[in-house]
Amino acid sequence: MPQKIFRMLLSTMFLVLVMFFSTLPAQAHRVSVFAYVEGSEVFTESYFSRKKRVHQGKIEVFNLTTGAQILTGTSDDDGNFNFPIPKEISSDHAGLKIVLIASEGHRNEWTLTPEDIFPNASPTSSELPQKTETEITSNVKTTLTNTDTSLLSAQIQELNTKVDTLKRLILNQQEDGPGIKEIFSGIGYIFGFFGIAAFLTSRKK
């Protein structure tokens, strides 16, 4: 049941995204780059407007923490350039800065935070509070009896990451344009319905 609700909510979010971008005015002189993570792959999309993608644009990828350049690439005819999550950031769970350099000196960048890339990363042992043996035993019992709740929490965390990325994309495209408040209000309503559904599901158990 939680997985079904999660899939429905995620589909609704993408529908909202498509509807929003269908109303955006074309901006011929502005270049934009958008990046997101699916599994172990980073996807980038570069464009001048909704209908004009950046062909053969240069993509530079940097370690967000150290500033070191990790790799470079070129967008294809559809404005896309994809690459695996670099091993250079896997050990310390650093973020990425992705820079697009298009024709005529047009330039823009997108930041992927560590939370975007590693949403399920666990805190290090030094960050975890010390617990007594009684607390540990209690937590183990709780985990064993709340598998579905843990799964739901992981799904909500993943969804939160995607929603944060969606918000940044919308604000990057149109900071003060019409529709922003309506879109964010709609997102709030969706989360409200999702929370109610999750609560009712947990009550049934």
N, C-alpha and C. Protein backbone atom coordinates (compact mmCIF):
# COMPACT_ATOMS: atom_id res chain seq x y z
N MET A 1 0.82 -1.22 0.00
CA MET A 1 0.00 0.00 0.00
C MET A 1 0.85 1.27 0.00
N PRO A 2 1.89 1.38 0.90
CA PRO A 2 2.72 2.58 0.86
C PRO A 2 3.42 2.76 -0.47
N GLN A 3 3.88 1.64 -1.10
CA GLN A 3 4.56 1.76 -2.39
C GLN A 3 3.61 2.27 -3.45
N LYS A 4 2.36 1.83 -3.42
CA LYS A 4 1.38 2.28 -4.40
C LYS A 4 1.12 3.78 -4.24
N ILE A 5 0.97 4.23 -2.99
CA ILE A 5 0.76 5.66 -2.74
C ILE A 5 1.96 6.47 -3.20
N PHE A 6 3.15 5.95 -2.93
CA PHE A 6 4.38 6.65 -3.32
C PHE A 6 4.46 6.80 -4.83
N ARG A 7 4.16 5.73 -5.58
CA ARG A 7 4.21 5.80 -7.04
C ARG A 7 3.19 6.78 -7.57
N MET A 8 1.99 6.79 -6.99
CA MET A 8 0.96 7.73 -7.43
C MET A 8 1.39 9.17 -7.19
N LEU A 9 1.99 9.42 -6.02
CA LEU A 9 2.42 10.78 -5.70
C LEU A 9 3.54 11.23 -6.61
N LEU A 10 4.49 10.35 -6.89
CA LEU A 10 5.61 10.69 -7.75
C LEU A 10 5.13 11.00 -9.16
N SER A 11 4.16 10.22 -9.65
CA SER A 11 3.60 10.47 -10.97
C SER A 11 2.91 11.82 -11.02
N THR A 12 2.21 12.16 -9.94
CA THR A 12 1.54 13.46 -9.88
C THR A 12 2.54 14.60 -9.90
N MET A 13 3.66 14.43 -9.20
CA MET A 13 4.69 15.46 -9.18
C MET A 13 5.24 15.72 -10.57
N PHE A 14 5.51 14.66 -11.32
CA PHE A 14 6.04 14.83 -12.67
C PHE A 14 4.99 15.47 -13.58
N LEU A 15 3.72 15.16 -13.37
CA LEU A 15 2.66 15.78 -14.15
C LEU A 15 2.62 17.28 -13.89
N VAL A 16 2.76 17.67 -12.62
CA VAL A 16 2.80 19.09 -12.27
C VAL A 16 3.97 19.77 -12.96
N LEU A 17 5.12 19.10 -12.99
CA LEU A 17 6.30 19.66 -13.64
C LEU A 17 6.06 19.90 -15.12
N VAL A 18 5.49 18.91 -15.80
CA VAL A 18 5.22 19.04 -17.23
C VAL A 18 4.23 20.17 -17.49
N MET A 19 3.18 20.26 -16.70
CA MET A 19 2.18 21.31 -16.88
C MET A 19 2.80 22.69 -16.66
N PHE A 20 3.69 22.80 -15.67
CA PHE A 20 4.30 24.10 -15.39
C PHE A 20 5.18 24.55 -16.53
N PHE A 21 6.02 23.68 -17.04
CA PHE A 21 6.95 24.08 -18.09
C PHE A 21 6.25 24.35 -19.41
N SER A 22 5.06 23.81 -19.59
CA SER A 22 4.33 24.10 -20.83
C SER A 22 3.86 25.55 -20.88
N THR A 23 3.87 26.24 -19.72
CA THR A 23 3.41 27.63 -19.67
C THR A 23 4.56 28.63 -19.62
N LEU A 24 5.81 28.16 -19.55
CA LEU A 24 6.93 29.07 -19.43
C LEU A 24 7.21 29.77 -20.75
N PRO A 25 7.51 31.07 -20.74
CA PRO A 25 7.87 31.77 -21.97
C PRO A 25 9.25 31.36 -22.43
N ALA A 26 9.45 31.35 -23.75
CA ALA A 26 10.76 30.99 -24.30
C ALA A 26 11.75 32.10 -24.01
N GLN A 27 12.98 31.71 -23.72
CA GLN A 27 14.03 32.68 -23.44
C GLN A 27 15.22 32.32 -24.32
N ALA A 28 15.29 32.96 -25.51
CA ALA A 28 16.26 32.57 -26.53
C ALA A 28 17.69 32.89 -26.13
N HIS A 29 17.89 33.89 -25.27
CA HIS A 29 19.23 34.34 -24.97
C HIS A 29 19.73 33.83 -23.63
N ARG A 30 19.03 32.93 -23.04
CA ARG A 30 19.45 32.40 -21.76
C ARG A 30 19.74 30.92 -21.89
N VAL A 31 20.84 30.49 -21.31
CA VAL A 31 21.19 29.08 -21.35
C VAL A 31 20.99 28.50 -19.95
N SER A 32 20.49 27.29 -19.89
CA SER A 32 20.22 26.65 -18.60
C SER A 32 20.72 25.22 -18.63
N VAL A 33 21.09 24.74 -17.47
CA VAL A 33 21.49 23.34 -17.31
C VAL A 33 20.79 22.80 -16.07
N PHE A 34 20.31 21.58 -16.18
CA PHE A 34 19.60 20.92 -15.09
C PHE A 34 20.19 19.54 -14.92
N ALA A 35 20.44 19.12 -13.68
CA ALA A 35 21.02 17.80 -13.42
C ALA A 35 20.24 17.10 -12.33
N TYR A 36 20.16 15.79 -12.43
CA TYR A 36 19.49 14.99 -11.41
C TYR A 36 20.13 13.60 -11.39
N VAL A 37 19.83 12.85 -10.35
CA VAL A 37 20.43 11.53 -10.16
C VAL A 37 19.36 10.47 -10.17
N GLU A 38 19.61 9.41 -10.91
CA GLU A 38 18.74 8.22 -10.89
C GLU A 38 19.64 7.01 -10.69
N GLY A 39 19.49 6.34 -9.56
CA GLY A 39 20.34 5.19 -9.28
C GLY A 39 21.79 5.62 -9.12
N SER A 40 22.67 5.06 -9.94
CA SER A 40 24.10 5.39 -9.87
C SER A 40 24.53 6.27 -11.03
N GLU A 41 23.59 6.90 -11.71
CA GLU A 41 23.88 7.71 -12.89
C GLU A 41 23.44 9.15 -12.69
N VAL A 42 24.24 10.08 -13.20
CA VAL A 42 23.91 11.50 -13.18
C VAL A 42 23.47 11.90 -14.59
N PHE A 43 22.31 12.54 -14.68
CA PHE A 43 21.76 12.97 -15.97
C PHE A 43 21.77 14.50 -16.02
N THR A 44 22.22 15.05 -17.14
CA THR A 44 22.19 16.50 -17.32
C THR A 44 21.44 16.85 -18.60
N GLU A 45 20.71 17.95 -18.56
CA GLU A 45 19.98 18.46 -19.72
C GLU A 45 20.32 19.94 -19.88
N SER A 46 20.70 20.32 -21.09
CA SER A 46 21.10 21.71 -21.37
C SER A 46 20.22 22.28 -22.47
N TYR A 47 19.78 23.53 -22.29
CA TYR A 47 18.85 24.10 -23.25
C TYR A 47 18.88 25.63 -23.22
N PHE A 48 18.51 26.23 -24.35
CA PHE A 48 18.33 27.67 -24.45
C PHE A 48 16.89 28.04 -24.11
N SER A 49 15.96 27.18 -24.53
CA SER A 49 14.54 27.38 -24.28
C SER A 49 13.87 26.02 -24.29
N ARG A 50 12.55 26.00 -24.14
CA ARG A 50 11.82 24.73 -24.12
C ARG A 50 12.02 23.93 -25.39
N LYS A 51 12.20 24.61 -26.52
CA LYS A 51 12.26 23.93 -27.81
C LYS A 51 13.65 23.91 -28.42
N LYS A 52 14.60 24.60 -27.80
CA LYS A 52 15.95 24.68 -28.36
C LYS A 52 16.95 24.14 -27.35
N ARG A 53 17.48 22.96 -27.63
CA ARG A 53 18.47 22.35 -26.76
C ARG A 53 19.88 22.81 -27.15
N VAL A 54 20.80 22.67 -26.22
CA VAL A 54 22.19 23.04 -26.47
C VAL A 54 22.91 21.87 -27.14
N HIS A 55 23.29 22.05 -28.40
CA HIS A 55 24.02 21.00 -29.13
C HIS A 55 25.52 21.19 -28.92
N GLN A 56 26.19 20.12 -28.58
CA GLN A 56 27.65 20.15 -28.44
C GLN A 56 28.13 21.19 -27.44
N GLY A 57 27.38 21.34 -26.37
CA GLY A 57 27.81 22.24 -25.29
C GLY A 57 28.82 21.54 -24.40
N LYS A 58 29.77 22.28 -23.89
CA LYS A 58 30.80 21.70 -23.03
C LYS A 58 30.28 21.59 -21.60
N ILE A 59 30.45 20.41 -21.01
CA ILE A 59 30.04 20.17 -19.63
C ILE A 59 31.28 19.91 -18.79
N GLU A 60 31.42 20.67 -17.72
CA GLU A 60 32.53 20.48 -16.78
C GLU A 60 31.95 20.10 -15.42
N VAL A 61 32.51 19.06 -14.82
CA VAL A 61 32.01 18.55 -13.53
C VAL A 61 33.09 18.71 -12.47
N PHE A 62 32.72 19.36 -11.35
CA PHE A 62 33.67 19.65 -10.29
C PHE A 62 33.22 19.04 -8.96
N ASN A 63 34.19 18.70 -8.13
CA ASN A 63 33.91 18.30 -6.75
C ASN A 63 33.43 19.53 -6.00
N LEU A 64 32.24 19.48 -5.42
CA LEU A 64 31.66 20.64 -4.76
C LEU A 64 32.45 21.06 -3.52
N THR A 65 33.11 20.10 -2.88
CA THR A 65 33.85 20.39 -1.66
C THR A 65 35.23 20.97 -1.94
N THR A 66 35.98 20.32 -2.83
CA THR A 66 37.36 20.72 -3.09
C THR A 66 37.51 21.67 -4.27
N GLY A 67 36.52 21.69 -5.16
CA GLY A 67 36.62 22.51 -6.36
C GLY A 67 37.41 21.88 -7.47
N ALA A 68 37.91 20.66 -7.26
CA ALA A 68 38.72 19.99 -8.27
C ALA A 68 37.84 19.51 -9.43
N GLN A 69 38.36 19.67 -10.65
CA GLN A 69 37.61 19.19 -11.81
C GLN A 69 37.72 17.67 -11.89
N ILE A 70 36.58 17.02 -12.07
CA ILE A 70 36.55 15.56 -12.10
C ILE A 70 36.51 15.04 -13.53
N LEU A 71 35.65 15.63 -14.36
CA LEU A 71 35.53 15.17 -15.74
C LEU A 71 34.92 16.26 -16.60
N THR A 72 35.04 16.07 -17.91
CA THR A 72 34.41 16.97 -18.88
C THR A 72 33.68 16.13 -19.91
N GLY A 73 32.73 16.73 -20.59
CA GLY A 73 31.98 16.03 -21.62
C GLY A 73 31.29 17.01 -22.54
N THR A 74 30.52 16.48 -23.48
CA THR A 74 29.83 17.30 -24.47
C THR A 74 28.39 16.84 -24.58
N SER A 75 27.46 17.78 -24.58
CA SER A 75 26.04 17.42 -24.72
C SER A 75 25.77 16.93 -26.13
N ASP A 76 24.84 15.99 -26.26
CA ASP A 76 24.49 15.47 -27.58
C ASP A 76 23.50 16.40 -28.27
N ASP A 77 22.95 15.94 -29.40
CA ASP A 77 22.03 16.79 -30.16
C ASP A 77 20.73 17.08 -29.42
N ASP A 78 20.44 16.28 -28.40
CA ASP A 78 19.24 16.52 -27.59
C ASP A 78 19.56 17.31 -26.32
N GLY A 79 20.80 17.77 -26.21
CA GLY A 79 21.19 18.55 -25.03
C GLY A 79 21.49 17.72 -23.81
N ASN A 80 21.68 16.41 -23.98
CA ASN A 80 21.88 15.52 -22.84
C ASN A 80 23.34 15.07 -22.71
N PHE A 81 23.78 14.92 -21.49
CA PHE A 81 25.08 14.32 -21.19
C PHE A 81 24.95 13.60 -19.86
N ASN A 82 25.20 12.29 -19.88
CA ASN A 82 25.03 11.47 -18.68
C ASN A 82 26.36 10.82 -18.31
N PHE A 83 26.53 10.55 -17.02
CA PHE A 83 27.77 9.90 -16.56
C PHE A 83 27.51 9.22 -15.22
N PRO A 84 28.27 8.15 -14.93
CA PRO A 84 28.12 7.49 -13.63
C PRO A 84 28.57 8.41 -12.50
N ILE A 85 28.04 8.19 -11.31
CA ILE A 85 28.49 8.96 -10.16
C ILE A 85 29.99 8.74 -10.00
N PRO A 86 30.79 9.80 -10.05
CA PRO A 86 32.25 9.64 -10.01
C PRO A 86 32.73 8.99 -8.72
N LYS A 87 33.71 8.11 -8.87
CA LYS A 87 34.25 7.45 -7.68
C LYS A 87 34.97 8.43 -6.77
N GLU A 88 35.39 9.59 -7.36
CA GLU A 88 36.10 10.60 -6.57
C GLU A 88 35.24 11.18 -5.45
N ILE A 89 33.92 11.09 -5.56
CA ILE A 89 33.06 11.66 -4.51
C ILE A 89 32.33 10.58 -3.72
N SER A 90 32.51 9.32 -4.11
CA SER A 90 31.75 8.25 -3.45
C SER A 90 32.25 7.99 -2.04
N SER A 91 33.56 8.13 -1.82
CA SER A 91 34.11 7.79 -0.51
C SER A 91 33.71 8.79 0.56
N ASP A 92 33.74 10.09 0.22
CA ASP A 92 33.41 11.11 1.22
C ASP A 92 32.03 11.72 1.02
N HIS A 93 31.26 11.19 0.06
CA HIS A 93 29.89 11.66 -0.20
C HIS A 93 29.85 13.18 -0.42
N ALA A 94 30.70 13.65 -1.32
CA ALA A 94 30.71 15.08 -1.66
C ALA A 94 29.66 15.36 -2.73
N GLY A 95 29.37 16.65 -2.93
CA GLY A 95 28.44 17.05 -3.97
C GLY A 95 29.16 17.34 -5.28
N LEU A 96 28.39 17.77 -6.28
CA LEU A 96 28.95 18.08 -7.60
C LEU A 96 28.49 19.45 -8.07
N LYS A 97 29.39 20.18 -8.72
CA LYS A 97 29.01 21.40 -9.43
C LYS A 97 29.16 21.12 -10.92
N ILE A 98 28.07 21.29 -11.66
CA ILE A 98 28.06 20.99 -13.09
C ILE A 98 27.94 22.30 -13.86
N VAL A 99 28.93 22.58 -14.68
CA VAL A 99 29.00 23.85 -15.42
C VAL A 99 28.77 23.59 -16.90
N LEU A 100 27.87 24.36 -17.49
CA LEU A 100 27.61 24.31 -18.93
C LEU A 100 28.24 25.53 -19.60
N ILE A 101 29.02 25.29 -20.65
CA ILE A 101 29.59 26.37 -21.46
C ILE A 101 29.07 26.17 -22.88
N ALA A 102 28.16 27.05 -23.29
CA ALA A 102 27.53 26.93 -24.61
C ALA A 102 28.16 27.92 -25.59
N SER A 103 27.55 28.06 -26.75
CA SER A 103 28.07 28.95 -27.78
C SER A 103 27.97 30.41 -27.35
N GLU A 104 28.80 31.25 -27.96
CA GLU A 104 28.79 32.69 -27.74
C GLU A 104 29.02 33.07 -26.27
N GLY A 105 29.73 32.21 -25.57
CA GLY A 105 30.08 32.53 -24.19
C GLY A 105 28.97 32.33 -23.17
N HIS A 106 27.83 31.77 -23.59
CA HIS A 106 26.74 31.51 -22.64
C HIS A 106 27.19 30.45 -21.64
N ARG A 107 26.85 30.70 -20.38
CA ARG A 107 27.34 29.83 -19.32
C ARG A 107 26.33 29.76 -18.18
N ASN A 108 26.20 28.58 -17.58
CA ASN A 108 25.36 28.43 -16.40
C ASN A 108 25.83 27.20 -15.64
N GLU A 109 25.32 27.02 -14.44
CA GLU A 109 25.75 25.87 -13.65
C GLU A 109 24.61 25.35 -12.80
N TRP A 110 24.77 24.12 -12.34
CA TRP A 110 23.80 23.46 -11.48
C TRP A 110 24.55 22.71 -10.38
N THR A 111 24.03 22.78 -9.18
CA THR A 111 24.67 22.12 -8.05
C THR A 111 23.86 20.91 -7.60
N LEU A 112 24.54 19.79 -7.46
CA LEU A 112 23.95 18.59 -6.85
C LEU A 112 24.56 18.45 -5.46
N THR A 113 23.74 18.57 -4.44
CA THR A 113 24.22 18.45 -3.07
C THR A 113 24.48 16.98 -2.73
N PRO A 114 25.22 16.71 -1.66
CA PRO A 114 25.40 15.32 -1.23
C PRO A 114 24.07 14.60 -1.01
N GLU A 115 23.07 15.35 -0.51
CA GLU A 115 21.75 14.74 -0.28
C GLU A 115 21.08 14.36 -1.60
N ASP A 116 21.33 15.13 -2.66
CA ASP A 116 20.78 14.79 -3.97
C ASP A 116 21.38 13.49 -4.49
N ILE A 117 22.68 13.31 -4.27
CA ILE A 117 23.39 12.18 -4.85
C ILE A 117 23.31 10.94 -3.97
N PHE A 118 23.39 11.15 -2.67
CA PHE A 118 23.39 10.03 -1.72
C PHE A 118 22.25 10.21 -0.71
N PRO A 119 20.99 10.10 -1.15
CA PRO A 119 19.85 10.38 -0.24
C PRO A 119 19.72 9.38 0.89
N ASN A 120 20.25 8.18 0.71
CA ASN A 120 20.09 7.15 1.73
C ASN A 120 21.36 6.93 2.54
N ALA A 121 22.30 7.87 2.45
CA ALA A 121 23.56 7.72 3.18
C ALA A 121 23.31 7.78 4.67
N SER A 122 23.95 6.88 5.41
CA SER A 122 23.81 6.85 6.87
C SER A 122 24.85 7.76 7.50
N PRO A 123 24.54 8.38 8.63
CA PRO A 123 25.53 9.20 9.33
C PRO A 123 26.69 8.35 9.82
N THR A 124 27.87 8.96 9.94
CA THR A 124 29.03 8.22 10.41
C THR A 124 28.87 7.89 11.88
N SER A 125 29.69 6.96 12.35
CA SER A 125 29.58 6.53 13.74
C SER A 125 29.84 7.66 14.71
N SER A 126 30.72 8.63 14.30
CA SER A 126 31.01 9.75 15.20
C SER A 126 29.84 10.69 15.34
N GLU A 127 28.91 10.65 14.36
CA GLU A 127 27.76 11.53 14.40
C GLU A 127 26.60 10.91 15.15
N LEU A 128 26.68 9.61 15.43
CA LEU A 128 25.59 8.93 16.10
C LEU A 128 25.71 9.10 17.61
N PRO A 129 24.60 9.38 18.29
CA PRO A 129 24.64 9.50 19.75
C PRO A 129 24.88 8.15 20.40
N GLN A 130 25.57 8.14 21.54
CA GLN A 130 25.82 6.90 22.25
C GLN A 130 24.53 6.41 22.89
N LYS A 131 24.30 5.09 22.80
CA LYS A 131 23.08 4.52 23.35
C LYS A 131 23.42 3.41 24.33
N THR A 132 22.55 3.24 25.31
CA THR A 132 22.73 2.18 26.28
C THR A 132 22.27 0.86 25.68
N GLU A 133 22.62 -0.24 26.34
CA GLU A 133 22.22 -1.56 25.85
C GLU A 133 20.71 -1.69 25.81
N THR A 134 20.01 -1.11 26.79
CA THR A 134 18.55 -1.17 26.81
C THR A 134 17.95 -0.46 25.62
N GLU A 135 18.51 0.72 25.28
CA GLU A 135 18.00 1.49 24.14
C GLU A 135 18.23 0.74 22.85
N ILE A 136 19.41 0.10 22.72
CA ILE A 136 19.71 -0.65 21.50
C ILE A 136 18.75 -1.81 21.34
N THR A 137 18.49 -2.55 22.42
CA THR A 137 17.55 -3.67 22.35
C THR A 137 16.17 -3.20 21.96
N SER A 138 15.73 -2.08 22.55
CA SER A 138 14.42 -1.53 22.23
C SER A 138 14.34 -1.13 20.77
N ASN A 139 15.40 -0.52 20.26
CA ASN A 139 15.40 -0.09 18.86
C ASN A 139 15.35 -1.27 17.91
N VAL A 140 16.05 -2.35 18.26
CA VAL A 140 16.03 -3.55 17.42
C VAL A 140 14.63 -4.11 17.33
N LYS A 141 13.94 -4.19 18.47
CA LYS A 141 12.58 -4.70 18.47
C LYS A 141 11.67 -3.81 17.64
N THR A 142 11.84 -2.50 17.78
CA THR A 142 11.01 -1.56 17.03
C THR A 142 11.23 -1.71 15.54
N THR A 143 12.50 -1.88 15.14
CA THR A 143 12.82 -2.04 13.72
C THR A 143 12.20 -3.30 13.15
N LEU A 144 12.25 -4.38 13.91
CA LEU A 144 11.71 -5.65 13.44
C LEU A 144 10.20 -5.59 13.31
N THR A 145 9.54 -4.78 14.10
CA THR A 145 8.08 -4.75 14.06
C THR A 145 7.54 -3.59 13.22
N ASN A 146 8.43 -2.81 12.64
CA ASN A 146 7.99 -1.66 11.85
C ASN A 146 8.71 -1.60 10.50
N THR A 147 8.81 -2.75 9.84
CA THR A 147 9.49 -2.80 8.55
C THR A 147 8.82 -1.90 7.53
N ASP A 148 7.49 -1.95 7.49
CA ASP A 148 6.76 -1.13 6.53
C ASP A 148 6.95 0.36 6.81
N THR A 149 6.98 0.71 8.09
CA THR A 149 7.18 2.11 8.44
C THR A 149 8.55 2.60 7.99
N SER A 150 9.57 1.76 8.16
CA SER A 150 10.92 2.13 7.72
C SER A 150 10.97 2.30 6.22
N LEU A 151 10.28 1.40 5.50
CA LEU A 151 10.24 1.49 4.05
C LEU A 151 9.56 2.78 3.61
N LEU A 152 8.47 3.11 4.28
CA LEU A 152 7.74 4.34 3.96
C LEU A 152 8.61 5.56 4.23
N SER A 153 9.36 5.55 5.32
CA SER A 153 10.23 6.68 5.64
C SER A 153 11.30 6.87 4.58
N ALA A 154 11.85 5.75 4.09
CA ALA A 154 12.87 5.84 3.04
C ALA A 154 12.29 6.42 1.76
N GLN A 155 11.05 6.02 1.45
CA GLN A 155 10.40 6.52 0.25
C GLN A 155 10.10 8.02 0.38
N ILE A 156 9.69 8.44 1.58
CA ILE A 156 9.41 9.86 1.80
C ILE A 156 10.70 10.67 1.67
N GLN A 157 11.81 10.13 2.19
CA GLN A 157 13.09 10.83 2.08
C GLN A 157 13.50 10.99 0.62
N GLU A 158 13.30 9.93 -0.16
CA GLU A 158 13.63 10.00 -1.58
C GLU A 158 12.76 11.03 -2.29
N LEU A 159 11.48 11.05 -1.92
CA LEU A 159 10.56 12.01 -2.53
C LEU A 159 10.92 13.44 -2.14
N ASN A 160 11.30 13.65 -0.88
CA ASN A 160 11.70 14.99 -0.45
C ASN A 160 12.87 15.50 -1.26
N THR A 161 13.82 14.61 -1.55
CA THR A 161 14.99 15.00 -2.34
C THR A 161 14.57 15.43 -3.73
N LYS A 162 13.65 14.66 -4.35
CA LYS A 162 13.20 14.99 -5.69
C LYS A 162 12.40 16.30 -5.70
N VAL A 163 11.60 16.52 -4.66
CA VAL A 163 10.82 17.75 -4.59
C VAL A 163 11.73 18.96 -4.42
N ASP A 164 12.78 18.83 -3.60
CA ASP A 164 13.73 19.93 -3.44
C ASP A 164 14.39 20.27 -4.76
N THR A 165 14.74 19.24 -5.53
CA THR A 165 15.33 19.47 -6.85
C THR A 165 14.34 20.15 -7.77
N LEU A 166 13.07 19.73 -7.70
CA LEU A 166 12.02 20.33 -8.52
C LEU A 166 11.85 21.81 -8.18
N LYS A 167 11.86 22.14 -6.90
CA LYS A 167 11.71 23.54 -6.48
C LYS A 167 12.85 24.39 -7.01
N ARG A 168 14.08 23.86 -6.90
CA ARG A 168 15.22 24.64 -7.37
C ARG A 168 15.16 24.84 -8.88
N LEU A 169 14.68 23.83 -9.60
CA LEU A 169 14.55 23.96 -11.05
C LEU A 169 13.54 25.03 -11.41
N ILE A 170 12.40 25.04 -10.73
CA ILE A 170 11.36 26.03 -11.01
C ILE A 170 11.86 27.44 -10.71
N LEU A 171 12.50 27.61 -9.56
CA LEU A 171 13.00 28.93 -9.19
C LEU A 171 14.11 29.39 -10.13
N ASN A 172 14.89 28.45 -10.63
CA ASN A 172 15.95 28.79 -11.57
C ASN A 172 15.39 29.28 -12.89
N GLN A 173 14.22 28.76 -13.28
CA GLN A 173 13.62 29.12 -14.55
C GLN A 173 12.84 30.43 -14.48
N GLN A 174 12.18 30.66 -13.38
CA GLN A 174 11.26 31.81 -13.32
C GLN A 174 11.09 32.22 -11.87
N GLU A 175 11.93 33.14 -11.40
CA GLU A 175 11.96 33.46 -9.98
C GLU A 175 10.68 34.13 -9.50
N ASP A 176 10.16 35.08 -10.27
CA ASP A 176 8.99 35.84 -9.81
C ASP A 176 7.82 35.76 -10.76
N GLY A 177 7.86 34.83 -11.69
CA GLY A 177 6.81 34.77 -12.70
C GLY A 177 5.52 34.21 -12.17
N PRO A 178 4.42 34.34 -12.91
CA PRO A 178 3.13 33.82 -12.48
C PRO A 178 3.15 32.31 -12.39
N GLY A 179 2.48 31.80 -11.39
CA GLY A 179 2.33 30.36 -11.26
C GLY A 179 3.20 29.74 -10.19
N ILE A 180 4.23 30.44 -9.71
CA ILE A 180 5.11 29.88 -8.70
C ILE A 180 4.37 29.55 -7.42
N LYS A 181 3.59 30.51 -6.90
CA LYS A 181 2.86 30.27 -5.66
C LYS A 181 1.86 29.14 -5.83
N GLU A 182 1.21 29.11 -6.98
CA GLU A 182 0.22 28.06 -7.22
C GLU A 182 0.88 26.69 -7.26
N ILE A 183 2.06 26.61 -7.90
CA ILE A 183 2.76 25.33 -7.98
C ILE A 183 3.16 24.85 -6.60
N PHE A 184 3.76 25.73 -5.79
CA PHE A 184 4.19 25.34 -4.46
C PHE A 184 3.01 25.00 -3.56
N SER A 185 1.89 25.71 -3.73
CA SER A 185 0.69 25.38 -2.96
C SER A 185 0.19 24.00 -3.33
N GLY A 186 0.24 23.70 -4.62
CA GLY A 186 -0.19 22.38 -5.08
C GLY A 186 0.68 21.28 -4.50
N ILE A 187 2.00 21.54 -4.44
CA ILE A 187 2.91 20.57 -3.84
C ILE A 187 2.54 20.34 -2.37
N GLY A 188 2.20 21.43 -1.67
CA GLY A 188 1.81 21.30 -0.27
C GLY A 188 0.56 20.45 -0.09
N TYR A 189 -0.44 20.68 -0.96
CA TYR A 189 -1.65 19.87 -0.89
C TYR A 189 -1.36 18.40 -1.14
N ILE A 190 -0.48 18.12 -2.11
CA ILE A 190 -0.15 16.74 -2.43
C ILE A 190 0.49 16.07 -1.22
N PHE A 191 1.42 16.77 -0.57
CA PHE A 191 2.04 16.21 0.62
C PHE A 191 1.03 15.98 1.73
N GLY A 192 0.05 16.89 1.83
CA GLY A 192 -0.98 16.72 2.84
C GLY A 192 -1.79 15.45 2.63
N PHE A 193 -2.21 15.22 1.38
CA PHE A 193 -2.96 14.00 1.07
C PHE A 193 -2.11 12.76 1.31
N PHE A 194 -0.82 12.84 0.95
CA PHE A 194 0.06 11.71 1.15
C PHE A 194 0.21 11.38 2.63
N GLY A 195 0.35 12.43 3.46
CA GLY A 195 0.48 12.21 4.88
C GLY A 195 -0.76 11.57 5.49
N ILE A 196 -1.93 12.03 5.04
CA ILE A 196 -3.19 11.45 5.53
C ILE A 196 -3.28 9.98 5.15
N ALA A 197 -2.93 9.68 3.88
CA ALA A 197 -3.00 8.29 3.41
C ALA A 197 -2.04 7.40 4.19
N ALA A 198 -0.83 7.91 4.45
CA ALA A 198 0.16 7.13 5.20
C ALA A 198 -0.32 6.90 6.63
N PHE A 199 -0.96 7.92 7.23
CA PHE A 199 -1.47 7.79 8.60
C PHE A 199 -2.57 6.74 8.66
N LEU A 200 -3.50 6.79 7.71
CA LEU A 200 -4.59 5.82 7.70
C LEU A 200 -4.07 4.41 7.49
N THR A 201 -3.03 4.28 6.64
CA THR A 201 -2.44 2.96 6.40
C THR A 201 -1.83 2.40 7.67
N SER A 202 -1.10 3.26 8.42
CA SER A 202 -0.48 2.80 9.66
C SER A 202 -1.53 2.46 10.71
N ARG A 203 -2.66 3.15 10.73
CA ARG A 203 -3.73 2.86 11.69
C ARG A 203 -4.35 1.50 11.43
N LYS A 204 -4.47 1.15 10.14
CA LYS A 204 -5.06 -0.14 9.80
C LYS A 204 -4.20 -1.30 10.29
N LYS A 205 -2.88 -1.03 10.37
CA LYS A 205 -2.00 -2.09 10.82
C LYS A 205 -2.06 -2.25 12.34
